[in-house]
N, C-alpha and C. Protein backbone atom coordinates (compact mmCIF):
# COMPACT_ATOMS: atom_id res chain seq x y z
N MET A 1 0.86 -0.75 -0.29
CA MET A 1 -0.24 0.09 0.03
C MET A 1 1.23 1.46 -0.24
N LYS A 2 0.56 2.55 -0.81
CA LYS A 2 1.12 3.44 -1.03
C LYS A 2 0.42 4.28 -0.33
N SER A 3 1.32 5.09 0.57
CA SER A 3 0.65 6.50 1.58
C SER A 3 0.19 7.52 0.64
N LEU A 4 -0.62 8.40 1.84
CA LEU A 4 -1.24 9.43 0.99
C LEU A 4 0.38 10.57 0.05
N LYS A 5 1.10 10.65 1.35
CA LYS A 5 2.21 11.56 0.75
C LYS A 5 2.28 11.03 -0.39
N LYS A 6 2.74 10.36 -0.25
CA LYS A 6 3.99 9.45 -1.57
C LYS A 6 3.23 9.58 -2.93
N THR A 7 2.28 9.89 -2.62
CA THR A 7 1.06 9.49 -4.38
C THR A 7 0.10 10.74 -4.37
N GLY A 8 -0.16 11.58 -3.79
CA GLY A 8 -0.86 12.34 -3.80
C GLY A 8 -2.24 12.75 -3.88
N VAL A 9 -3.02 11.38 -3.65
CA VAL A 9 -4.16 10.52 -3.91
C VAL A 9 -5.08 11.54 -3.95
N LEU A 10 -5.69 12.29 -5.06
CA LEU A 10 -6.58 12.91 -4.98
C LEU A 10 -6.44 14.44 -4.91
N GLY A 11 -5.12 14.62 -4.98
CA GLY A 11 -4.38 16.20 -4.77
C GLY A 11 -3.73 16.20 -3.06
N PHE A 12 -4.11 15.82 -2.26
CA PHE A 12 -3.70 16.18 -1.10
C PHE A 12 -2.34 15.01 -0.39
N ARG A 13 -1.91 16.19 0.36
CA ARG A 13 -0.19 15.75 0.66
C ARG A 13 -0.42 14.89 1.78
N SER A 14 -1.69 14.46 2.35
CA SER A 14 -1.42 13.98 3.87
C SER A 14 -3.27 13.79 4.68
N LEU A 15 -3.12 12.58 5.61
CA LEU A 15 -4.34 11.95 5.76
C LEU A 15 -4.81 13.41 6.16
N SER A 16 -4.20 14.30 7.16
CA SER A 16 -5.44 15.61 7.57
C SER A 16 -5.68 16.03 6.41
N GLU A 17 -5.37 16.73 5.99
CA GLU A 17 -5.11 17.80 5.02
C GLU A 17 -6.40 17.50 3.96
N ALA A 18 -6.73 16.01 3.48
CA ALA A 18 -7.76 14.85 2.86
C ALA A 18 -9.13 15.23 4.14
N MET A 19 -8.65 14.71 5.76
CA MET A 19 -9.91 15.17 6.09
C MET A 19 -10.27 16.59 6.92
N GLU A 20 -9.66 16.87 6.50
CA GLU A 20 -10.11 18.85 6.79
C GLU A 20 -10.60 18.87 5.61
N ALA A 21 -10.46 18.33 4.23
CA ALA A 21 -11.29 19.18 3.08
C ALA A 21 -12.78 18.53 2.91
N ARG A 22 -12.87 16.94 3.52
CA ARG A 22 -14.22 16.55 3.60
C ARG A 22 -14.74 16.91 4.52
N LEU A 23 -14.34 16.86 5.64
CA LEU A 23 -15.46 17.86 7.06
C LEU A 23 -15.66 19.28 5.89
N GLU A 24 -14.63 19.57 5.95
CA GLU A 24 -15.63 21.37 5.20
C GLU A 24 -16.63 20.62 4.27
N GLY A 25 -16.40 20.27 3.28
CA GLY A 25 -17.41 19.61 2.85
C GLY A 25 -18.61 19.67 2.87
N TYR A 26 -18.63 18.97 4.47
CA TYR A 26 -19.59 18.08 5.30
C TYR A 26 -20.61 18.76 5.81
N PHE A 27 -19.87 20.14 6.29
CA PHE A 27 -20.15 21.16 6.56
C PHE A 27 -21.25 22.27 5.81
N GLU A 28 -20.61 22.48 4.89
CA GLU A 28 -20.70 23.15 3.68
C GLU A 28 -22.19 22.15 2.74
N MET A 29 -22.70 21.52 3.18
CA MET A 29 -23.77 20.09 2.24
C MET A 29 -24.92 20.58 3.44
N HIS A 30 -24.33 20.79 5.04
CA HIS A 30 -25.18 20.73 5.33
C HIS A 30 -25.91 22.50 5.71
N GLY A 31 -24.92 23.58 5.29
CA GLY A 31 -25.30 24.10 5.19
C GLY A 31 -25.36 25.02 6.63
N GLY A 32 -25.10 25.13 7.22
CA GLY A 32 -25.58 25.18 8.93
C GLY A 32 -26.69 25.41 9.41
N VAL A 33 -28.08 23.83 8.92
CA VAL A 33 -29.09 23.91 9.29
C VAL A 33 -28.76 22.68 9.23
N ASP A 34 -30.02 22.17 10.61
CA ASP A 34 -29.99 20.78 11.22
C ASP A 34 -28.98 20.02 10.71
N MET A 35 -27.30 20.81 11.83
CA MET A 35 -26.63 20.08 11.65
C MET A 35 -26.21 19.17 12.97
N PRO A 36 -25.87 17.43 13.03
CA PRO A 36 -26.21 16.90 13.87
C PRO A 36 -25.58 16.90 15.65
N THR A 37 -25.88 16.82 16.39
CA THR A 37 -25.44 16.78 17.76
C THR A 37 -24.58 15.88 17.41
N GLY A 38 -23.09 16.02 18.49
CA GLY A 38 -22.23 14.88 19.16
C GLY A 38 -21.42 14.91 18.04
N LEU A 39 -20.59 15.68 17.01
CA LEU A 39 -20.22 15.09 16.30
C LEU A 39 -18.92 14.14 16.19
N TYR A 40 -18.54 15.18 17.03
CA TYR A 40 -16.92 14.37 18.02
C TYR A 40 -17.48 13.09 17.67
N ASP A 41 -17.97 12.19 18.26
CA ASP A 41 -18.51 10.77 18.72
C ASP A 41 -18.40 9.95 17.34
N ILE A 42 -19.23 11.05 16.42
CA ILE A 42 -19.50 10.13 14.92
C ILE A 42 -18.77 10.17 14.30
N ILE A 43 -17.51 11.40 14.21
CA ILE A 43 -16.83 11.31 13.25
C ILE A 43 -15.11 10.11 13.59
N ILE A 44 -14.59 9.93 15.13
CA ILE A 44 -14.00 9.47 15.65
C ILE A 44 -14.43 7.55 15.98
N LYS A 45 -16.38 7.39 15.62
CA LYS A 45 -16.31 6.16 14.95
C LYS A 45 -16.26 5.91 13.41
N GLU A 46 -16.58 7.07 13.13
CA GLU A 46 -16.27 5.81 11.42
C GLU A 46 -14.78 6.66 11.18
N ILE A 47 -14.11 7.12 11.78
CA ILE A 47 -12.71 6.47 11.04
C ILE A 47 -12.54 5.66 11.84
N GLU A 48 -12.69 5.85 12.84
CA GLU A 48 -11.88 4.20 13.37
C GLU A 48 -12.89 2.39 12.57
N LYS A 49 -13.84 3.18 12.15
CA LYS A 49 -14.19 1.45 12.11
C LYS A 49 -13.41 1.48 10.24
N SER A 50 -12.93 2.53 9.79
CA SER A 50 -12.94 2.46 8.38
C SER A 50 -11.18 1.88 8.35
N LEU A 51 -10.66 2.69 9.78
CA LEU A 51 -9.14 2.66 9.41
C LEU A 51 -8.77 1.06 10.34
N LEU A 52 -10.19 0.06 11.25
CA LEU A 52 -9.93 -1.34 11.35
C LEU A 52 -10.39 -1.85 10.15
N ASN A 53 -11.31 -1.03 8.94
CA ASN A 53 -11.87 -1.99 7.89
C ASN A 53 -10.37 -1.86 6.89
N VAL A 54 -9.61 -0.99 7.30
CA VAL A 54 -8.73 -0.93 5.66
C VAL A 54 -6.90 -1.70 6.14
N THR A 55 -7.15 -1.65 7.80
CA THR A 55 -5.71 -2.77 8.45
C THR A 55 -6.17 -3.97 8.32
N MET A 56 -7.35 -4.41 9.19
CA MET A 56 -7.95 -5.68 8.56
C MET A 56 -7.74 -6.45 7.00
N ARG A 57 -8.27 -5.39 5.73
CA ARG A 57 -7.94 -6.08 5.16
C ARG A 57 -6.42 -6.10 4.04
N TYR A 58 -5.82 -5.68 5.00
CA TYR A 58 -4.32 -5.23 4.47
C TYR A 58 -3.54 -6.82 4.69
N THR A 59 -4.12 -6.77 5.90
CA THR A 59 -3.80 -8.14 6.47
C THR A 59 -3.78 -9.20 6.21
N GLU A 60 -5.22 -8.97 5.43
CA GLU A 60 -6.20 -10.05 5.08
C GLU A 60 -6.61 -11.33 6.56
N GLY A 61 -7.24 -10.30 7.33
CA GLY A 61 -7.71 -10.91 8.40
C GLY A 61 -6.93 -11.15 9.80
N ASN A 62 -5.85 -10.93 9.31
CA ASN A 62 -4.57 -11.22 10.29
C ASN A 62 -4.81 -10.44 11.69
N LYS A 63 -5.55 -10.55 12.71
CA LYS A 63 -5.15 -10.36 13.61
C LYS A 63 -4.33 -9.85 14.86
N VAL A 64 -3.23 -10.85 15.09
CA VAL A 64 -1.93 -10.33 15.28
C VAL A 64 -1.21 -9.49 14.18
N LYS A 65 -1.33 -9.44 13.46
CA LYS A 65 -0.45 -8.30 12.39
C LYS A 65 -0.96 -6.86 12.62
N ALA A 66 -2.52 -6.77 12.45
CA ALA A 66 -3.15 -5.61 12.37
C ALA A 66 -3.47 -5.11 13.49
N ALA A 67 -3.01 -5.84 14.87
CA ALA A 67 -3.17 -5.42 15.99
C ALA A 67 -1.58 -4.87 15.79
N ARG A 68 -0.35 -5.44 15.77
CA ARG A 68 0.48 -5.15 15.78
C ARG A 68 0.78 -3.46 15.02
N ILE A 69 -0.08 -3.50 13.96
CA ILE A 69 -0.02 -2.29 12.96
C ILE A 69 -0.22 -1.31 14.19
N LEU A 70 -1.61 -1.46 14.15
CA LEU A 70 -2.03 -0.22 14.66
C LEU A 70 -1.50 -0.57 15.98
N GLY A 71 -0.77 -0.70 16.81
CA GLY A 71 0.31 -0.39 18.11
C GLY A 71 -0.65 -0.67 18.92
N ILE A 72 -1.55 -1.95 18.64
CA ILE A 72 -3.13 -2.05 20.25
C ILE A 72 -2.84 -3.62 19.72
N ASN A 73 -3.26 -4.16 21.80
CA ASN A 73 -3.48 -4.93 21.65
C ASN A 73 -4.20 -6.01 21.34
N ARG A 74 -4.21 -7.35 20.40
CA ARG A 74 -4.66 -8.13 19.91
C ARG A 74 -6.13 -7.93 20.65
N ASN A 75 -6.47 -8.30 21.62
CA ASN A 75 -7.71 -8.42 22.44
C ASN A 75 -8.34 -7.02 22.35
N THR A 76 -7.75 -5.87 22.08
CA THR A 76 -7.86 -4.64 22.18
C THR A 76 -8.85 -4.11 20.61
N LEU A 77 -8.27 -5.01 19.66
CA LEU A 77 -8.72 -4.94 18.14
C LEU A 77 -9.78 -6.00 18.85
N HIS A 78 -9.80 -6.77 19.05
CA HIS A 78 -11.18 -7.81 18.73
C HIS A 78 -12.14 -7.17 19.58
N LYS A 79 -11.66 -6.83 20.76
CA LYS A 79 -12.90 -5.73 21.40
C LYS A 79 -13.79 -4.84 20.62
N LYS A 80 -12.81 -4.00 19.75
CA LYS A 80 -12.95 -3.29 18.90
C LYS A 80 -13.90 -3.58 17.50
N LEU A 81 -13.62 -4.88 17.01
CA LEU A 81 -13.91 -5.05 15.97
C LEU A 81 -15.81 -5.59 16.44
N LEU A 82 -15.41 -6.31 17.85
CA LEU A 82 -17.26 -6.59 18.11
C LEU A 82 -18.46 -5.17 18.37
N THR A 83 -17.47 -4.40 18.95
CA THR A 83 -18.32 -3.12 18.76
C THR A 83 -18.93 -2.39 17.82
N LEU A 84 -17.86 -2.28 16.65
CA LEU A 84 -18.06 -1.19 15.96
C LEU A 84 -19.34 -2.69 14.40
N ASP A 85 -19.33 -3.93 14.87
CA ASP A 85 -20.64 -4.87 14.48
C ASP A 85 -19.17 -4.87 13.15
N LEU A 86 -17.81 -5.93 13.54
CA LEU A 86 -17.53 -5.35 12.21
C LEU A 86 -16.76 -7.99 12.70
N GLU A 87 -16.73 -7.80 13.30
CA GLU A 87 -16.02 -9.14 13.71
C GLU A 87 -16.37 -10.21 13.30
N ASN A 88 -17.69 -10.62 12.47
CA ASN A 88 -18.29 -11.73 11.83
C ASN A 88 -17.99 -11.12 9.77
N GLU A 89 -17.11 -10.01 9.47
CA GLU A 89 -15.96 -9.68 8.69
C GLU A 89 -15.06 -10.53 8.47
N TYR A 90 -14.01 -11.08 9.43
CA TYR A 90 -12.39 -11.92 9.43
C TYR A 90 -12.94 -12.57 10.29
């Protein structure tokens, strides 16, 4: 897998730059009207879910390898997969 910095995917030099652009688009989409509350928790959950999904696919479902890449304990990874309803996918 190539990093965003190396490839310049979609014109972004970094993950944070890509995220900022997407979040700005999200706010523009809502136009300040009917913004959901609890946005922090919503975003963190979505980012975590994507991070775990991509890492698990990259490791072909190998939880030990995925946990090592993520820098977390395998049991923590297992709990997070359960919490995010991803356990049955890997």
